[in-house]
């Protein structure tokens, strides 16, 4: 029942502002220095955090290198474009089998796995940035794809995609 309600709520968000993830990010999985872990996405927490089934256990995963407007932070208002960012993550990742690739740090201060999340050869983190649903968030020492994220954010800004559209968030995240 909870899953159906979540999908209906996201569907309503999508009705107001359709999710547009048509711009693909570069295929970068082959460039990763290590093999990844295979997992299944079980839930979208928000635009930059997902829940996965990994080795029989449920784990929260923070998409490293990006940030999305907040939509579920306790005692905080939903930020402009937060619902849309969550809907984009849902559209791209819900139920997907993904490859999780670590950078330097394994976990953040909240205990979430820090990972680049791949659907096939394409990194979801990058797809969200290039379509304007996330911003580049450089947080050393996890910087392997920082230059790519900055380049993709610039492209999204120059093309008025997502939260960079002049009719959204006054053109600012």
N, C-alpha and C. Protein backbone atom coordinates (compact mmCIF):
# COMPACT_ATOMS: atom_id res chain seq x y z
N UNK A 1 0.83 -1.19 0.00
CA UNK A 1 0.00 0.00 0.00
C UNK A 1 0.88 1.27 0.00
N UNK A 2 1.94 1.25 0.84
CA UNK A 2 2.83 2.40 0.90
C UNK A 2 3.47 2.67 -0.45
N UNK A 3 3.91 1.62 -1.13
CA UNK A 3 4.55 1.75 -2.44
C UNK A 3 3.57 2.34 -3.46
N UNK A 4 2.31 1.87 -3.44
CA UNK A 4 1.30 2.39 -4.37
C UNK A 4 1.06 3.86 -4.10
N UNK A 5 0.94 4.24 -2.81
CA UNK A 5 0.73 5.63 -2.46
C UNK A 5 1.91 6.49 -2.92
N UNK A 6 3.14 6.01 -2.71
CA UNK A 6 4.33 6.75 -3.15
C UNK A 6 4.31 6.96 -4.66
N UNK A 7 3.96 5.92 -5.41
CA UNK A 7 3.93 6.05 -6.86
C UNK A 7 2.85 7.03 -7.30
N UNK A 8 1.69 7.02 -6.62
CA UNK A 8 0.64 7.96 -6.95
C UNK A 8 1.07 9.39 -6.67
N UNK A 9 1.73 9.62 -5.54
CA UNK A 9 2.20 10.95 -5.22
C UNK A 9 3.24 11.42 -6.22
N UNK A 10 4.17 10.55 -6.58
CA UNK A 10 5.16 10.91 -7.59
C UNK A 10 4.50 11.14 -8.94
N UNK A 11 3.46 10.36 -9.24
CA UNK A 11 2.73 10.56 -10.48
C UNK A 11 2.11 11.94 -10.54
N UNK A 12 1.59 12.42 -9.40
CA UNK A 12 1.00 13.75 -9.35
C UNK A 12 2.07 14.81 -9.57
N UNK A 13 3.24 14.62 -8.98
CA UNK A 13 4.34 15.55 -9.22
C UNK A 13 4.68 15.55 -10.70
N UNK A 14 4.76 14.36 -11.29
CA UNK A 14 5.11 14.25 -12.70
C UNK A 14 4.07 14.95 -13.57
N UNK A 15 2.80 14.92 -13.15
CA UNK A 15 1.75 15.58 -13.92
C UNK A 15 1.99 17.09 -13.95
N UNK A 16 2.42 17.65 -12.81
CA UNK A 16 2.64 19.08 -12.73
C UNK A 16 3.92 19.48 -13.48
N UNK A 17 4.95 18.69 -13.37
CA UNK A 17 6.22 18.98 -14.03
C UNK A 17 6.80 17.66 -14.51
N UNK A 18 6.55 17.29 -15.75
CA UNK A 18 7.02 16.00 -16.26
C UNK A 18 8.52 15.83 -16.10
N UNK A 19 8.92 14.64 -15.76
CA UNK A 19 10.34 14.32 -15.65
C UNK A 19 10.92 14.21 -17.06
N UNK A 20 12.03 14.90 -17.28
CA UNK A 20 12.70 14.86 -18.58
C UNK A 20 14.15 14.46 -18.37
N UNK A 21 14.43 13.22 -18.66
CA UNK A 21 15.79 12.68 -18.53
C UNK A 21 16.35 12.26 -19.89
N UNK A 22 15.97 13.01 -20.92
CA UNK A 22 16.31 12.60 -22.28
C UNK A 22 17.79 12.74 -22.62
N UNK A 23 18.51 13.62 -21.94
CA UNK A 23 19.93 13.79 -22.23
C UNK A 23 20.71 12.72 -21.49
N UNK A 24 21.42 11.90 -22.23
CA UNK A 24 22.22 10.85 -21.62
C UNK A 24 23.57 11.39 -21.19
N UNK A 25 24.07 10.82 -20.11
CA UNK A 25 25.42 11.14 -19.65
C UNK A 25 26.39 10.20 -20.36
N UNK A 26 27.66 10.56 -20.40
CA UNK A 26 28.64 9.67 -21.03
C UNK A 26 28.70 8.31 -20.33
N UNK A 27 28.92 7.27 -21.09
CA UNK A 27 29.08 5.92 -20.52
C UNK A 27 30.47 5.84 -19.90
N UNK A 28 30.53 5.74 -18.57
CA UNK A 28 31.82 5.79 -17.89
C UNK A 28 32.14 4.54 -17.07
N UNK A 29 31.27 3.55 -17.07
CA UNK A 29 31.53 2.36 -16.24
C UNK A 29 32.85 1.69 -16.60
N UNK A 30 33.18 1.61 -17.87
CA UNK A 30 34.42 0.94 -18.29
C UNK A 30 35.66 1.68 -17.79
N UNK A 31 35.53 2.94 -17.42
CA UNK A 31 36.66 3.72 -16.93
C UNK A 31 36.88 3.58 -15.43
N UNK A 32 35.96 2.92 -14.74
CA UNK A 32 36.09 2.78 -13.29
C UNK A 32 37.27 1.87 -12.97
N UNK A 33 38.05 2.20 -11.95
CA UNK A 33 39.25 1.42 -11.63
C UNK A 33 38.98 0.10 -10.90
N UNK A 34 37.77 -0.08 -10.41
CA UNK A 34 37.44 -1.29 -9.66
C UNK A 34 36.11 -1.86 -10.12
N UNK A 35 35.91 -3.14 -9.85
CA UNK A 35 34.62 -3.75 -10.12
C UNK A 35 33.62 -3.25 -9.09
N UNK A 36 32.38 -3.17 -9.50
CA UNK A 36 31.34 -2.70 -8.60
C UNK A 36 30.56 -3.84 -7.99
N UNK A 37 29.66 -3.46 -7.10
CA UNK A 37 28.75 -4.40 -6.46
C UNK A 37 27.41 -4.33 -7.19
N UNK A 38 26.79 -5.47 -7.41
CA UNK A 38 25.49 -5.50 -8.08
C UNK A 38 24.41 -5.45 -7.00
N UNK A 39 23.43 -4.56 -7.19
CA UNK A 39 22.35 -4.39 -6.22
C UNK A 39 21.05 -4.12 -6.97
N UNK A 40 19.94 -4.22 -6.25
CA UNK A 40 18.62 -3.87 -6.81
C UNK A 40 18.07 -2.71 -6.02
N UNK A 41 17.61 -1.68 -6.70
CA UNK A 41 17.03 -0.52 -6.04
C UNK A 41 15.66 -0.91 -5.50
N UNK A 42 15.48 -0.72 -4.19
CA UNK A 42 14.21 -1.10 -3.55
C UNK A 42 13.35 0.11 -3.20
N UNK A 43 13.99 1.29 -3.08
CA UNK A 43 13.23 2.49 -2.72
C UNK A 43 14.05 3.73 -3.04
N UNK A 44 13.35 4.79 -3.45
CA UNK A 44 13.98 6.08 -3.65
C UNK A 44 13.68 6.91 -2.41
N UNK A 45 14.71 7.33 -1.70
CA UNK A 45 14.52 8.15 -0.50
C UNK A 45 14.30 9.60 -0.91
N UNK A 46 15.17 10.11 -1.75
CA UNK A 46 15.03 11.44 -2.34
C UNK A 46 15.89 11.48 -3.59
N UNK A 47 16.17 12.66 -4.10
CA UNK A 47 16.89 12.76 -5.37
C UNK A 47 18.30 12.22 -5.37
N UNK A 48 18.98 12.21 -4.20
CA UNK A 48 20.36 11.74 -4.17
C UNK A 48 20.60 10.60 -3.18
N UNK A 49 19.54 9.99 -2.70
CA UNK A 49 19.67 8.86 -1.78
C UNK A 49 18.67 7.78 -2.17
N UNK A 50 19.18 6.55 -2.26
CA UNK A 50 18.33 5.42 -2.59
C UNK A 50 18.54 4.31 -1.57
N UNK A 51 17.65 3.35 -1.60
CA UNK A 51 17.79 2.15 -0.77
C UNK A 51 17.96 0.98 -1.74
N UNK A 52 18.90 0.09 -1.42
CA UNK A 52 19.16 -1.04 -2.30
C UNK A 52 19.19 -2.33 -1.50
N UNK A 53 18.94 -3.42 -2.20
CA UNK A 53 19.16 -4.75 -1.66
C UNK A 53 20.52 -5.19 -2.19
N UNK A 54 21.45 -5.43 -1.25
CA UNK A 54 22.82 -5.75 -1.59
C UNK A 54 23.26 -6.93 -0.73
N UNK A 55 23.59 -8.02 -1.36
CA UNK A 55 24.02 -9.23 -0.63
C UNK A 55 23.00 -9.65 0.43
N UNK A 56 21.71 -9.52 0.10
CA UNK A 56 20.65 -9.95 1.01
C UNK A 56 20.30 -8.97 2.10
N UNK A 57 20.97 -7.83 2.16
CA UNK A 57 20.69 -6.82 3.17
C UNK A 57 20.23 -5.52 2.49
N UNK A 58 19.45 -4.74 3.22
CA UNK A 58 18.99 -3.45 2.72
C UNK A 58 19.98 -2.38 3.19
N UNK A 59 20.44 -1.55 2.26
CA UNK A 59 21.40 -0.49 2.58
C UNK A 59 20.96 0.81 1.93
N UNK A 60 21.20 1.93 2.63
CA UNK A 60 20.99 3.24 2.04
C UNK A 60 22.25 3.63 1.29
N UNK A 61 22.07 4.24 0.13
CA UNK A 61 23.18 4.64 -0.72
C UNK A 61 23.03 6.12 -1.06
N UNK A 62 24.07 6.88 -0.79
CA UNK A 62 24.12 8.29 -1.16
C UNK A 62 24.87 8.38 -2.47
N UNK A 63 24.24 8.97 -3.50
CA UNK A 63 24.89 9.13 -4.79
C UNK A 63 25.99 10.17 -4.62
N UNK A 64 27.23 9.72 -4.65
CA UNK A 64 28.37 10.56 -4.36
C UNK A 64 28.63 11.55 -5.50
N UNK A 65 29.08 12.75 -5.13
CA UNK A 65 29.47 13.74 -6.12
C UNK A 65 28.38 14.66 -6.60
N UNK A 66 27.14 14.45 -6.12
CA UNK A 66 26.03 15.30 -6.54
C UNK A 66 25.20 15.70 -5.31
N UNK A 67 24.35 16.69 -5.52
CA UNK A 67 23.41 17.11 -4.48
C UNK A 67 22.12 17.50 -5.18
N UNK A 68 21.00 17.18 -4.53
CA UNK A 68 19.70 17.57 -5.05
C UNK A 68 18.98 18.39 -4.00
N UNK A 69 18.03 19.22 -4.43
CA UNK A 69 17.25 19.97 -3.45
C UNK A 69 16.56 19.01 -2.47
N UNK A 70 16.47 19.43 -1.22
CA UNK A 70 15.91 18.57 -0.17
C UNK A 70 14.40 18.40 -0.34
N UNK A 71 13.96 17.18 -0.09
CA UNK A 71 12.52 16.91 -0.14
C UNK A 71 12.04 16.10 1.07
N UNK A 72 12.97 15.57 1.86
CA UNK A 72 12.55 14.74 3.00
C UNK A 72 13.31 15.05 4.30
N UNK A 73 14.06 16.12 4.37
CA UNK A 73 14.83 16.43 5.58
C UNK A 73 13.86 16.78 6.71
N UNK A 74 13.96 16.08 7.84
CA UNK A 74 13.06 16.36 8.97
C UNK A 74 13.18 17.82 9.43
N UNK A 75 12.04 18.39 9.79
CA UNK A 75 11.95 19.76 10.32
C UNK A 75 12.45 20.82 9.35
N UNK A 76 12.46 20.51 8.06
CA UNK A 76 12.87 21.47 7.05
C UNK A 76 11.83 21.51 5.94
N UNK A 77 11.65 22.69 5.33
CA UNK A 77 10.70 22.75 4.21
C UNK A 77 11.26 22.03 2.98
N UNK A 78 10.37 21.62 2.12
CA UNK A 78 10.79 21.04 0.84
C UNK A 78 11.36 22.17 0.00
N UNK A 79 12.57 21.96 -0.51
CA UNK A 79 13.22 23.00 -1.30
C UNK A 79 12.68 23.01 -2.73
N UNK A 80 12.84 24.16 -3.37
CA UNK A 80 12.41 24.30 -4.75
C UNK A 80 13.07 23.22 -5.60
N UNK A 81 12.27 22.49 -6.34
CA UNK A 81 12.67 21.43 -7.26
C UNK A 81 13.03 20.13 -6.54
N UNK A 82 12.80 20.06 -5.23
CA UNK A 82 13.08 18.83 -4.49
C UNK A 82 12.19 17.68 -4.91
N UNK A 83 10.90 17.94 -5.07
CA UNK A 83 9.98 16.87 -5.50
C UNK A 83 10.33 16.38 -6.90
N UNK A 84 10.68 17.31 -7.77
CA UNK A 84 11.03 16.94 -9.14
C UNK A 84 12.31 16.10 -9.18
N UNK A 85 13.29 16.46 -8.34
CA UNK A 85 14.53 15.68 -8.28
C UNK A 85 14.25 14.27 -7.80
N UNK A 86 13.39 14.14 -6.80
CA UNK A 86 13.02 12.80 -6.31
C UNK A 86 12.28 12.01 -7.39
N UNK A 87 11.38 12.69 -8.10
CA UNK A 87 10.64 12.02 -9.18
C UNK A 87 11.58 11.57 -10.29
N UNK A 88 12.62 12.35 -10.59
CA UNK A 88 13.59 11.97 -11.62
C UNK A 88 14.36 10.73 -11.18
N UNK A 89 14.80 10.71 -9.92
CA UNK A 89 15.51 9.53 -9.42
C UNK A 89 14.59 8.31 -9.47
N UNK A 90 13.34 8.49 -9.12
CA UNK A 90 12.36 7.40 -9.17
C UNK A 90 12.20 6.89 -10.60
N UNK A 91 12.06 7.82 -11.54
CA UNK A 91 11.85 7.43 -12.94
C UNK A 91 13.04 6.66 -13.49
N UNK A 92 14.25 7.05 -13.10
CA UNK A 92 15.44 6.42 -13.67
C UNK A 92 15.88 5.16 -12.93
N UNK A 93 15.63 5.11 -11.61
CA UNK A 93 16.24 4.05 -10.80
C UNK A 93 15.28 3.05 -10.16
N UNK A 94 14.01 3.37 -10.05
CA UNK A 94 13.09 2.50 -9.31
C UNK A 94 13.11 1.07 -9.85
N UNK A 95 13.41 0.13 -8.98
CA UNK A 95 13.41 -1.29 -9.33
C UNK A 95 14.57 -1.75 -10.18
N UNK A 96 15.48 -0.85 -10.52
CA UNK A 96 16.58 -1.19 -11.42
C UNK A 96 17.64 -2.05 -10.74
N UNK A 97 18.27 -2.88 -11.53
CA UNK A 97 19.48 -3.56 -11.09
C UNK A 97 20.63 -2.64 -11.45
N UNK A 98 21.43 -2.29 -10.46
CA UNK A 98 22.47 -1.29 -10.64
C UNK A 98 23.83 -1.83 -10.22
N UNK A 99 24.86 -1.17 -10.69
CA UNK A 99 26.22 -1.45 -10.25
C UNK A 99 26.65 -0.28 -9.37
N UNK A 100 27.10 -0.59 -8.16
CA UNK A 100 27.55 0.42 -7.21
C UNK A 100 29.07 0.45 -7.20
N UNK A 101 29.64 1.64 -7.41
CA UNK A 101 31.10 1.77 -7.46
C UNK A 101 31.54 2.79 -6.41
N UNK A 102 32.47 2.37 -5.61
CA UNK A 102 33.00 3.19 -4.53
C UNK A 102 34.07 4.14 -5.04
N UNK A 103 34.22 5.28 -4.38
CA UNK A 103 35.34 6.19 -4.63
C UNK A 103 36.35 5.93 -3.51
N UNK A 104 36.69 6.91 -2.71
CA UNK A 104 37.68 6.72 -1.64
C UNK A 104 37.01 6.27 -0.35
N UNK A 105 36.01 7.01 0.09
CA UNK A 105 35.34 6.70 1.35
C UNK A 105 34.20 5.71 1.11
N UNK A 106 34.00 4.83 2.07
CA UNK A 106 32.95 3.83 1.96
C UNK A 106 31.59 4.37 2.41
N UNK A 107 31.57 5.14 3.50
CA UNK A 107 30.32 5.61 4.08
C UNK A 107 30.41 7.07 4.49
N UNK A 108 29.23 7.73 4.58
CA UNK A 108 29.18 9.09 5.08
C UNK A 108 28.89 9.07 6.58
N UNK A 109 28.77 10.23 7.18
CA UNK A 109 28.57 10.32 8.63
C UNK A 109 27.24 9.76 9.09
N UNK A 110 26.31 9.54 8.16
CA UNK A 110 25.01 8.95 8.49
C UNK A 110 25.00 7.44 8.30
N UNK A 111 26.13 6.87 7.90
CA UNK A 111 26.22 5.43 7.69
C UNK A 111 25.80 4.97 6.31
N UNK A 112 25.46 5.89 5.42
CA UNK A 112 25.05 5.50 4.07
C UNK A 112 26.28 5.15 3.24
N UNK A 113 26.13 4.17 2.36
CA UNK A 113 27.18 3.86 1.40
C UNK A 113 27.34 5.04 0.45
N UNK A 114 28.55 5.40 0.13
CA UNK A 114 28.83 6.45 -0.85
C UNK A 114 29.22 5.77 -2.16
N UNK A 115 28.40 5.95 -3.20
CA UNK A 115 28.64 5.21 -4.43
C UNK A 115 28.25 6.00 -5.68
N UNK A 116 28.95 5.68 -6.76
CA UNK A 116 28.49 6.03 -8.09
C UNK A 116 27.55 4.91 -8.47
N UNK A 117 26.37 5.25 -8.97
CA UNK A 117 25.34 4.26 -9.24
C UNK A 117 25.15 4.15 -10.76
N UNK A 118 25.40 2.96 -11.28
CA UNK A 118 25.32 2.75 -12.73
C UNK A 118 24.10 1.93 -13.12
N UNK A 119 23.44 2.39 -14.18
CA UNK A 119 22.40 1.63 -14.87
C UNK A 119 23.04 1.29 -16.21
N UNK A 120 23.37 0.05 -16.39
CA UNK A 120 24.15 -0.32 -17.57
C UNK A 120 25.51 0.36 -17.49
N UNK A 121 25.91 1.02 -18.55
CA UNK A 121 27.21 1.71 -18.61
C UNK A 121 27.12 3.17 -18.15
N UNK A 122 25.89 3.66 -17.93
CA UNK A 122 25.68 5.08 -17.63
C UNK A 122 25.50 5.31 -16.13
N UNK A 123 26.17 6.33 -15.63
CA UNK A 123 26.08 6.69 -14.22
C UNK A 123 24.83 7.53 -13.96
N UNK A 124 23.99 7.06 -13.04
CA UNK A 124 22.77 7.79 -12.67
C UNK A 124 23.11 9.17 -12.10
N UNK A 125 24.18 9.25 -11.30
CA UNK A 125 24.59 10.52 -10.72
C UNK A 125 24.74 11.56 -11.83
N UNK A 126 25.43 11.19 -12.90
CA UNK A 126 25.69 12.10 -14.02
C UNK A 126 24.41 12.40 -14.80
N UNK A 127 23.54 11.41 -14.99
CA UNK A 127 22.28 11.64 -15.73
C UNK A 127 21.44 12.67 -15.01
N UNK A 128 21.39 12.63 -13.69
CA UNK A 128 20.62 13.61 -12.92
C UNK A 128 21.21 15.01 -13.06
N UNK A 129 22.53 15.13 -13.09
CA UNK A 129 23.17 16.44 -13.22
C UNK A 129 22.95 17.01 -14.61
N UNK A 130 23.21 16.26 -15.66
CA UNK A 130 23.12 16.79 -17.02
C UNK A 130 21.70 17.20 -17.40
N UNK A 131 20.71 16.61 -16.72
CA UNK A 131 19.32 16.98 -17.00
C UNK A 131 18.79 18.03 -16.02
N UNK A 132 19.64 18.51 -15.13
CA UNK A 132 19.27 19.62 -14.25
C UNK A 132 18.50 19.24 -13.01
N UNK A 133 18.57 17.98 -12.59
CA UNK A 133 17.89 17.55 -11.36
C UNK A 133 18.84 17.52 -10.17
N UNK A 134 20.13 17.72 -10.40
CA UNK A 134 21.14 17.70 -9.34
C UNK A 134 22.25 18.67 -9.71
N UNK A 135 22.99 19.07 -8.70
CA UNK A 135 24.16 19.92 -8.91
C UNK A 135 25.42 19.13 -8.58
N UNK A 136 26.53 19.57 -9.12
CA UNK A 136 27.81 18.97 -8.76
C UNK A 136 28.09 19.30 -7.30
N UNK A 137 28.55 18.32 -6.54
CA UNK A 137 28.85 18.51 -5.12
C UNK A 137 30.18 17.85 -4.83
N UNK A 138 31.24 18.64 -4.93
CA UNK A 138 32.59 18.13 -4.74
C UNK A 138 32.88 18.06 -3.25
N UNK A 139 33.12 16.85 -2.76
CA UNK A 139 33.37 16.62 -1.34
C UNK A 139 34.57 15.70 -1.20
N UNK A 140 35.77 16.31 -1.12
CA UNK A 140 36.98 15.49 -1.00
C UNK A 140 36.89 14.54 0.18
N UNK A 141 37.44 13.36 0.05
CA UNK A 141 38.36 12.90 -1.00
C UNK A 141 37.66 12.20 -2.17
N UNK A 142 36.33 12.20 -2.19
CA UNK A 142 35.58 11.48 -3.24
C UNK A 142 35.38 12.37 -4.46
N UNK A 143 36.43 12.48 -5.27
CA UNK A 143 36.43 13.45 -6.36
C UNK A 143 36.73 12.85 -7.74
N UNK A 144 36.66 11.54 -7.87
CA UNK A 144 37.05 10.90 -9.14
C UNK A 144 36.30 11.49 -10.33
N UNK A 145 35.01 11.80 -10.17
CA UNK A 145 34.22 12.31 -11.29
C UNK A 145 33.84 13.79 -11.12
N UNK A 146 34.53 14.51 -10.24
CA UNK A 146 34.18 15.90 -9.96
C UNK A 146 34.21 16.77 -11.22
N UNK A 147 35.23 16.64 -12.03
CA UNK A 147 35.32 17.45 -13.26
C UNK A 147 34.16 17.15 -14.21
N UNK A 148 33.80 15.88 -14.33
CA UNK A 148 32.67 15.50 -15.19
C UNK A 148 31.39 16.15 -14.68
N UNK A 149 31.14 16.07 -13.37
CA UNK A 149 29.91 16.64 -12.82
C UNK A 149 29.86 18.15 -13.02
N UNK A 150 30.98 18.84 -12.86
CA UNK A 150 31.02 20.29 -13.07
C UNK A 150 30.72 20.61 -14.53
N UNK A 151 31.30 19.84 -15.44
CA UNK A 151 31.05 20.04 -16.88
C UNK A 151 29.57 19.80 -17.21
N UNK A 152 28.98 18.74 -16.67
CA UNK A 152 27.58 18.42 -16.95
C UNK A 152 26.63 19.45 -16.34
N UNK A 153 26.98 19.97 -15.16
CA UNK A 153 26.16 21.02 -14.56
C UNK A 153 26.20 22.27 -15.43
N UNK A 154 27.39 22.62 -15.92
CA UNK A 154 27.53 23.78 -16.80
C UNK A 154 26.64 23.60 -18.04
N UNK A 155 26.65 22.40 -18.61
CA UNK A 155 25.82 22.12 -19.78
C UNK A 155 24.33 22.27 -19.45
N UNK A 156 23.92 21.77 -18.29
CA UNK A 156 22.52 21.89 -17.88
C UNK A 156 22.14 23.37 -17.70
N UNK A 157 23.02 24.14 -17.08
CA UNK A 157 22.76 25.58 -16.87
C UNK A 157 22.64 26.31 -18.21
N UNK A 158 23.61 26.05 -19.10
CA UNK A 158 23.62 26.75 -20.40
C UNK A 158 22.39 26.42 -21.23
N UNK A 159 21.81 25.25 -21.01
CA UNK A 159 20.64 24.83 -21.78
C UNK A 159 19.33 24.94 -21.00
N UNK A 160 19.38 25.63 -19.85
CA UNK A 160 18.18 25.89 -19.03
C UNK A 160 17.41 24.62 -18.69
N UNK A 161 18.15 23.57 -18.35
CA UNK A 161 17.49 22.30 -18.02
C UNK A 161 17.15 22.22 -16.54
N UNK A 162 16.00 21.62 -16.27
CA UNK A 162 15.61 21.32 -14.90
C UNK A 162 15.59 22.53 -14.00
N UNK A 163 16.28 22.44 -12.86
CA UNK A 163 16.23 23.53 -11.90
C UNK A 163 16.89 24.79 -12.41
N UNK A 164 17.61 24.72 -13.51
CA UNK A 164 18.25 25.90 -14.10
C UNK A 164 17.33 26.64 -15.05
N UNK A 165 16.16 26.13 -15.31
CA UNK A 165 15.20 26.81 -16.18
C UNK A 165 14.80 28.14 -15.55
N UNK A 166 14.70 29.19 -16.34
CA UNK A 166 14.37 30.51 -15.79
C UNK A 166 13.00 30.54 -15.08
N UNK A 167 12.11 29.63 -15.43
CA UNK A 167 10.80 29.63 -14.77
C UNK A 167 10.78 28.73 -13.53
N UNK A 168 11.93 28.23 -13.12
CA UNK A 168 12.03 27.39 -11.91
C UNK A 168 12.98 28.04 -10.93
N UNK A 169 12.61 28.13 -9.71
CA UNK A 169 13.50 28.53 -8.62
C UNK A 169 14.24 29.83 -8.91
N UNK A 170 13.63 30.71 -9.67
CA UNK A 170 14.25 32.01 -10.04
C UNK A 170 15.62 31.78 -10.70
N UNK A 171 15.77 30.64 -11.39
CA UNK A 171 17.02 30.35 -12.09
C UNK A 171 18.15 29.92 -11.18
N UNK A 172 17.87 29.73 -9.90
CA UNK A 172 18.88 29.31 -8.94
C UNK A 172 18.39 28.05 -8.22
N UNK A 173 19.32 27.19 -7.79
CA UNK A 173 18.89 25.99 -7.06
C UNK A 173 18.43 26.35 -5.65
